[in-house]
Amino acid sequence: MNSKLRRTSSVVVVLILVLAGALVQPFGGNATAGPNGEGTLPGTWRVQVTPINCQTGAPLPIPSFSALDSYARGGTLTEVVNAAAFLPGQVTPGLGVWSHTQANAYKAVWEAFILFDTPPAVPGFPFKRGVQRLMRDIEVHGDQMTFNGSSQFFDTNGNVLAVACASGTGTRFEDVGGED
């Protein structure tokens, strides 16, 4: 009798879990901003970043650079940057979070470690060992994005060393249709 009761209880528990999952699923997933999921952020994006003057929004005489940004369902993100301003191995990939704010709009914040000071003999911005925190406001339209953002650079004690701003564009990284 005990084994029959356990088996029946197990079946009931499994059914309850399956039903609960079926009821919750329509409310989960990624935030959609338009019909058929148009304007959603999750996925990997090729982005082009242009440094700008924080007060005027005018482009700075600093080369733009590229990055790959990956926005995962559930609200996490990873960024790998390809900026000549950093020496090879000087900065880690960025890790952070994103959220849907309204319609096609999103906000993201992430951090990357700067692993060593830029040597004095190297021209350009003298990065110091510490953390770079990036914040971005993003608009998505189909497979294209635009954004404005800022970066704060902190030393290892958490003191703000510099603030920078940027704008940019992105294109969703699409499947090339290869074989599985």
C-alpha atoms as a PDB file:
ATOM      1  CA  MET A   1       0.000   0.000   0.000  1.00  0.00           C
ATOM      2  CA  ASN A   2       2.815   2.407   0.858  1.00  0.00           C
ATOM      3  CA  SER A   3       4.525   1.958  -2.530  1.00  0.00           C
ATOM      4  CA  LYS A   4       1.206   2.503  -4.385  1.00  0.00           C
ATOM      5  CA  LEU A   5       0.617   5.725  -2.405  1.00  0.00           C
ATOM      6  CA  ARG A   6       4.168   6.941  -3.141  1.00  0.00           C
ATOM      7  CA  ARG A   7       3.757   6.206  -6.854  1.00  0.00           C
ATOM      8  CA  THR A   8       0.405   8.039  -6.981  1.00  0.00           C
ATOM      9  CA  SER A   9       1.883  10.978  -5.042  1.00  0.00           C
ATOM     10  CA  SER A  10       4.847  11.125  -7.432  1.00  0.00           C
ATOM     11  CA  VAL A  11       2.540  11.168 -10.468  1.00  0.00           C
ATOM     12  CA  VAL A  12       0.442  13.956  -8.899  1.00  0.00           C
ATOM     13  CA  VAL A  13       3.560  16.038  -8.110  1.00  0.00           C
ATOM     14  CA  VAL A  14       4.869  15.622 -11.683  1.00  0.00           C
ATOM     15  CA  LEU A  15       1.484  16.625 -13.134  1.00  0.00           C
ATOM     16  CA  ILE A  16       1.334  19.705 -10.912  1.00  0.00           C
ATOM     17  CA  LEU A  17       4.850  20.741 -11.990  1.00  0.00           C
ATOM     18  CA  VAL A  18       4.021  20.235 -15.681  1.00  0.00           C
ATOM     19  CA  LEU A  19       0.807  22.256 -15.361  1.00  0.00           C
ATOM     20  CA  ALA A  20       2.581  25.012 -13.429  1.00  0.00           C
ATOM     21  CA  GLY A  21       5.250  25.188 -16.142  1.00  0.00           C
ATOM     22  CA  ALA A  22       2.608  25.381 -18.857  1.00  0.00           C
ATOM     23  CA  LEU A  23       0.853  28.234 -17.058  1.00  0.00           C
ATOM     24  CA  VAL A  24       4.035  30.213 -16.351  1.00  0.00           C
ATOM     25  CA  GLN A  25       5.625  29.828 -19.795  1.00  0.00           C
ATOM     26  CA  PRO A  26       3.433  32.406 -21.581  1.00  0.00           C
ATOM     27  CA  PHE A  27       4.649  35.029 -19.102  1.00  0.00           C
ATOM     28  CA  GLY A  28       8.344  34.131 -19.364  1.00  0.00           C
ATOM     29  CA  GLY A  29      10.826  34.482 -22.195  1.00  0.00           C
ATOM     30  CA  ASN A  30      12.205  37.705 -23.555  1.00  0.00           C
ATOM     31  CA  ALA A  31      10.423  41.035 -23.523  1.00  0.00           C
ATOM     32  CA  THR A  32       8.881  41.796 -26.882  1.00  0.00           C
ATOM     33  CA  ALA A  33       8.432  45.325 -28.030  1.00  0.00           C
ATOM     34  CA  GLY A  34       6.399  44.920 -31.179  1.00  0.00           C
ATOM     35  CA  PRO A  35       4.323  42.445 -33.144  1.00  0.00           C
ATOM     36  CA  ASN A  36       5.927  39.033 -33.623  1.00  0.00           C
ATOM     37  CA  GLY A  37       8.798  39.918 -31.266  1.00  0.00           C
ATOM     38  CA  GLU A  38      10.079  42.731 -33.496  1.00  0.00           C
ATOM     39  CA  GLY A  39      12.324  45.044 -31.518  1.00  0.00           C
ATOM     40  CA  THR A  40      13.636  42.470 -29.051  1.00  0.00           C
ATOM     41  CA  LEU A  41      17.150  42.676 -27.661  1.00  0.00           C
ATOM     42  CA  PRO A  42      18.220  39.072 -26.918  1.00  0.00           C
ATOM     43  CA  GLY A  43      20.880  37.798 -29.287  1.00  0.00           C
ATOM     44  CA  THR A  44      24.389  38.751 -30.326  1.00  0.00           C
ATOM     45  CA  TRP A  45      25.053  42.123 -31.921  1.00  0.00           C
ATOM     46  CA  ARG A  46      27.966  43.587 -33.886  1.00  0.00           C
ATOM     47  CA  VAL A  47      28.248  47.134 -32.586  1.00  0.00           C
ATOM     48  CA  GLN A  48      30.213  50.185 -33.669  1.00  0.00           C
ATOM     49  CA  VAL A  49      30.999  52.611 -30.834  1.00  0.00           C
ATOM     50  CA  THR A  50      31.786  56.302 -31.425  1.00  0.00           C
ATOM     51  CA  PRO A  51      33.273  58.283 -28.511  1.00  0.00           C
ATOM     52  CA  ILE A  52      31.416  61.587 -28.025  1.00  0.00           C
ATOM     53  CA  ASN A  53      31.634  64.725 -25.923  1.00  0.00           C
ATOM     54  CA  CYS A  54      29.412  64.105 -22.879  1.00  0.00           C
ATOM     55  CA  GLN A  55      28.074  67.692 -22.846  1.00  0.00           C
ATOM     56  CA  THR A  56      27.518  68.378 -26.568  1.00  0.00           C
ATOM     57  CA  GLY A  57      27.177  64.888 -28.071  1.00  0.00           C
ATOM     58  CA  ALA A  58      29.693  65.821 -30.779  1.00  0.00           C
ATOM     59  CA  PRO A  59      32.060  63.041 -31.936  1.00  0.00           C
ATOM     60  CA  LEU A  60      35.533  63.183 -30.398  1.00  0.00           C
ATOM     61  CA  PRO A  61      38.779  62.925 -32.394  1.00  0.00           C
ATOM     62  CA  ILE A  62      39.177  59.364 -31.071  1.00  0.00           C
ATOM     63  CA  PRO A  63      38.781  56.402 -33.434  1.00  0.00           C
ATOM     64  CA  SER A  64      35.491  54.531 -33.247  1.00  0.00           C
ATOM     65  CA  PHE A  65      35.772  50.836 -32.418  1.00  0.00           C
ATOM     66  CA  SER A  66      33.827  47.623 -32.668  1.00  0.00           C
ATOM     67  CA  ALA A  67      32.507  45.134 -30.131  1.00  0.00           C
ATOM     68  CA  LEU A  68      30.391  42.020 -29.911  1.00  0.00           C
ATOM     69  CA  ASP A  69      27.554  42.298 -27.390  1.00  0.00           C
ATOM     70  CA  SER A  70      25.523  39.254 -26.411  1.00  0.00           C
ATOM     71  CA  TYR A  71      22.221  39.836 -24.600  1.00  0.00           C
ATOM     72  CA  ALA A  72      20.841  36.632 -23.073  1.00  0.00           C
ATOM     73  CA  ARG A  73      17.228  35.916 -22.233  1.00  0.00           C
ATOM     74  CA  GLY A  74      16.738  36.480 -18.542  1.00  0.00           C
ATOM     75  CA  GLY A  75      18.692  39.743 -18.564  1.00  0.00           C
ATOM     76  CA  THR A  76      22.433  39.022 -18.611  1.00  0.00           C
ATOM     77  CA  LEU A  77      24.951  40.353 -21.110  1.00  0.00           C
ATOM     78  CA  THR A  78      28.529  39.822 -22.234  1.00  0.00           C
ATOM     79  CA  GLU A  79      30.649  42.235 -24.255  1.00  0.00           C
ATOM     80  CA  VAL A  80      33.980  41.711 -25.975  1.00  0.00           C
ATOM     81  CA  VAL A  81      35.516  44.952 -27.187  1.00  0.00           C
ATOM     82  CA  ASN A  82      38.005  45.575 -30.014  1.00  0.00           C
ATOM     83  CA  ALA A  83      39.356  49.025 -29.112  1.00  0.00           C
ATOM     84  CA  ALA A  84      42.871  50.095 -30.050  1.00  0.00           C
ATOM     85  CA  ALA A  85      42.869  52.276 -26.904  1.00  0.00           C
ATOM     86  CA  PHE A  86      43.423  49.125 -24.821  1.00  0.00           C
ATOM     87  CA  LEU A  87      46.620  47.126 -25.040  1.00  0.00           C
ATOM     88  CA  PRO A  88      46.303  43.389 -25.788  1.00  0.00           C
ATOM     89  CA  GLY A  89      45.141  41.625 -22.630  1.00  0.00           C
ATOM     90  CA  GLN A  90      44.581  44.884 -20.738  1.00  0.00           C
ATOM     91  CA  VAL A  91      40.797  44.574 -20.402  1.00  0.00           C
ATOM     92  CA  THR A  92      38.577  41.570 -19.671  1.00  0.00           C
ATOM     93  CA  PRO A  93      35.267  40.831 -21.380  1.00  0.00           C
ATOM     94  CA  GLY A  94      32.453  42.831 -19.788  1.00  0.00           C
ATOM     95  CA  LEU A  95      29.691  41.126 -17.826  1.00  0.00           C
ATOM     96  CA  GLY A  96      26.424  42.680 -16.727  1.00  0.00           C
ATOM     97  CA  VAL A  97      22.660  42.932 -16.930  1.00  0.00           C
ATOM     98  CA  TRP A  98      20.007  44.471 -19.156  1.00  0.00           C
ATOM     99  CA  SER A  99      16.300  45.209 -18.784  1.00  0.00           C
ATOM    100  CA  HIS A 100      13.374  46.164 -21.001  1.00  0.00           C
ATOM    101  CA  THR A 101      12.086  49.647 -20.172  1.00  0.00           C
ATOM    102  CA  GLN A 102       9.292  50.327 -22.709  1.00  0.00           C
ATOM    103  CA  ALA A 103       8.367  49.627 -26.347  1.00  0.00           C
ATOM    104  CA  ASN A 104      11.711  49.113 -28.177  1.00  0.00           C
ATOM    105  CA  ALA A 105      13.808  50.602 -25.342  1.00  0.00           C
ATOM    106  CA  TYR A 106      16.272  48.852 -23.049  1.00  0.00           C
ATOM    107  CA  LYS A 107      18.878  49.755 -20.434  1.00  0.00           C
ATOM    108  CA  ALA A 108      22.104  47.884 -19.798  1.00  0.00           C
ATOM    109  CA  VAL A 109      24.944  48.109 -17.292  1.00  0.00           C
ATOM    110  CA  TRP A 110      28.099  46.017 -17.167  1.00  0.00           C
ATOM    111  CA  GLU A 111      31.663  46.039 -15.918  1.00  0.00           C
ATOM    112  CA  ALA A 112      35.057  44.970 -17.197  1.00  0.00           C
ATOM    113  CA  PHE A 113      38.333  44.764 -15.299  1.00  0.00           C
ATOM    114  CA  ILE A 114      41.312  46.764 -16.474  1.00  0.00           C
ATOM    115  CA  LEU A 115      44.113  44.398 -15.526  1.00  0.00           C
ATOM    116  CA  PHE A 116      47.150  46.684 -15.697  1.00  0.00           C
ATOM    117  CA  ASP A 117      48.147  50.342 -16.078  1.00  0.00           C
ATOM    118  CA  THR A 118      48.969  51.631 -19.539  1.00  0.00           C
ATOM    119  CA  PRO A 119      52.783  52.032 -19.562  1.00  0.00           C
ATOM    120  CA  PRO A 120      53.912  55.698 -19.604  1.00  0.00           C
ATOM    121  CA  ALA A 121      55.685  55.293 -22.976  1.00  0.00           C
ATOM    122  CA  VAL A 122      52.489  54.200 -24.767  1.00  0.00           C
ATOM    123  CA  PRO A 123      50.599  57.073 -26.458  1.00  0.00           C
ATOM    124  CA  GLY A 124      46.881  57.511 -25.852  1.00  0.00           C
ATOM    125  CA  PHE A 125      44.716  57.487 -22.753  1.00  0.00           C
ATOM    126  CA  PRO A 126      46.620  56.275 -19.663  1.00  0.00           C
ATOM    127  CA  PHE A 127      44.245  53.596 -18.329  1.00  0.00           C
ATOM    128  CA  LYS A 128      44.805  52.602 -14.707  1.00  0.00           C
ATOM    129  CA  ARG A 129      44.259  49.165 -13.196  1.00  0.00           C
ATOM    130  CA  GLY A 130      40.693  48.962 -11.892  1.00  0.00           C
ATOM    131  CA  VAL A 131      37.162  48.699 -13.284  1.00  0.00           C
ATOM    132  CA  GLN A 132      35.284  50.192 -16.207  1.00  0.00           C
ATOM    133  CA  ARG A 133      31.500  50.454 -15.647  1.00  0.00           C
ATOM    134  CA  LEU A 134      29.433  51.002 -18.782  1.00  0.00           C
ATOM    135  CA  MET A 135      25.804  52.129 -18.964  1.00  0.00           C
ATOM    136  CA  ARG A 136      23.784  52.179 -22.154  1.00  0.00           C
ATOM    137  CA  ASP A 137      20.294  53.242 -23.305  1.00  0.00           C
ATOM    138  CA  ILE A 138      19.355  51.125 -26.327  1.00  0.00           C
ATOM    139  CA  GLU A 139      16.639  51.363 -29.007  1.00  0.00           C
ATOM    140  CA  VAL A 140      15.979  48.259 -31.131  1.00  0.00           C
ATOM    141  CA  HIS A 141      14.254  48.315 -34.522  1.00  0.00           C
ATOM    142  CA  GLY A 142      14.164  44.839 -36.044  1.00  0.00           C
ATOM    143  CA  ASP A 143      17.772  43.752 -36.551  1.00  0.00           C
ATOM    144  CA  GLN A 144      19.228  47.244 -35.986  1.00  0.00           C
ATOM    145  CA  MET A 145      19.998  49.102 -32.765  1.00  0.00           C
ATOM    146  CA  THR A 146      21.118  52.577 -31.767  1.00  0.00           C
ATOM    147  CA  PHE A 147      22.439  53.543 -28.356  1.00  0.00           C
ATOM    148  CA  ASN A 148      23.895  56.262 -26.171  1.00  0.00           C
ATOM    149  CA  GLY A 149      25.967  55.496 -23.159  1.00  0.00           C
ATOM    150  CA  SER A 150      28.614  56.436 -20.670  1.00  0.00           C
ATOM    151  CA  SER A 151      31.572  54.795 -18.975  1.00  0.00           C
ATOM    152  CA  GLN A 152      33.101  55.397 -15.600  1.00  0.00           C
ATOM    153  CA  PHE A 153      36.663  54.336 -14.882  1.00  0.00           C
ATOM    154  CA  PHE A 154      37.505  53.417 -11.272  1.00  0.00           C
ATOM    155  CA  ASP A 155      40.848  52.671  -9.661  1.00  0.00           C
ATOM    156  CA  THR A 156      41.295  49.577  -7.488  1.00  0.00           C
ATOM    157  CA  ASN A 157      40.003  51.547  -4.459  1.00  0.00           C
ATOM    158  CA  GLY A 158      36.740  52.502  -6.208  1.00  0.00           C
ATOM    159  CA  ASN A 159      37.676  56.138  -6.874  1.00  0.00           C
ATOM    160  CA  VAL A 160      36.322  57.600 -10.138  1.00  0.00           C
ATOM    161  CA  LEU A 161      39.227  58.443 -12.441  1.00  0.00           C
ATOM    162  CA  ALA A 162      37.406  59.459 -15.609  1.00  0.00           C
ATOM    163  CA  VAL A 163      34.024  59.530 -17.335  1.00  0.00           C
ATOM    164  CA  ALA A 164      33.518  59.002 -21.060  1.00  0.00           C
ATOM    165  CA  CYS A 165      30.466  58.974 -23.335  1.00  0.00           C
ATOM    166  CA  ALA A 166      29.662  57.237 -26.598  1.00  0.00           C
ATOM    167  CA  SER A 167      26.943  56.647 -29.144  1.00  0.00           C
ATOM    168  CA  GLY A 168      26.687  53.843 -31.608  1.00  0.00           C
ATOM    169  CA  THR A 169      24.846  51.438 -33.804  1.00  0.00           C
ATOM    170  CA  GLY A 170      24.498  47.689 -33.954  1.00  0.00           C
ATOM    171  CA  THR A 171      23.391  44.950 -36.296  1.00  0.00           C
ATOM    172  CA  ARG A 172      22.062  41.630 -35.074  1.00  0.00           C
ATOM    173  CA  PHE A 173      24.530  38.795 -35.668  1.00  0.00           C
ATOM    174  CA  GLU A 174      22.571  36.377 -37.858  1.00  0.00           C
ATOM    175  CA  ASP A 175      22.932  32.676 -38.513  1.00  0.00           C
ATOM    176  CA  VAL A 176      24.816  32.114 -41.759  1.00  0.00           C
ATOM    177  CA  GLY A 177      22.586  29.159 -42.622  1.00  0.00           C
ATOM    178  CA  GLY A 178      25.250  26.487 -42.177  1.00  0.00           C
ATOM    179  CA  GLU A 179      24.707  22.821 -41.502  1.00  0.00           C
ATOM    180  CA  ASP A 180      24.252  21.669 -37.911  1.00  0.00           C
END
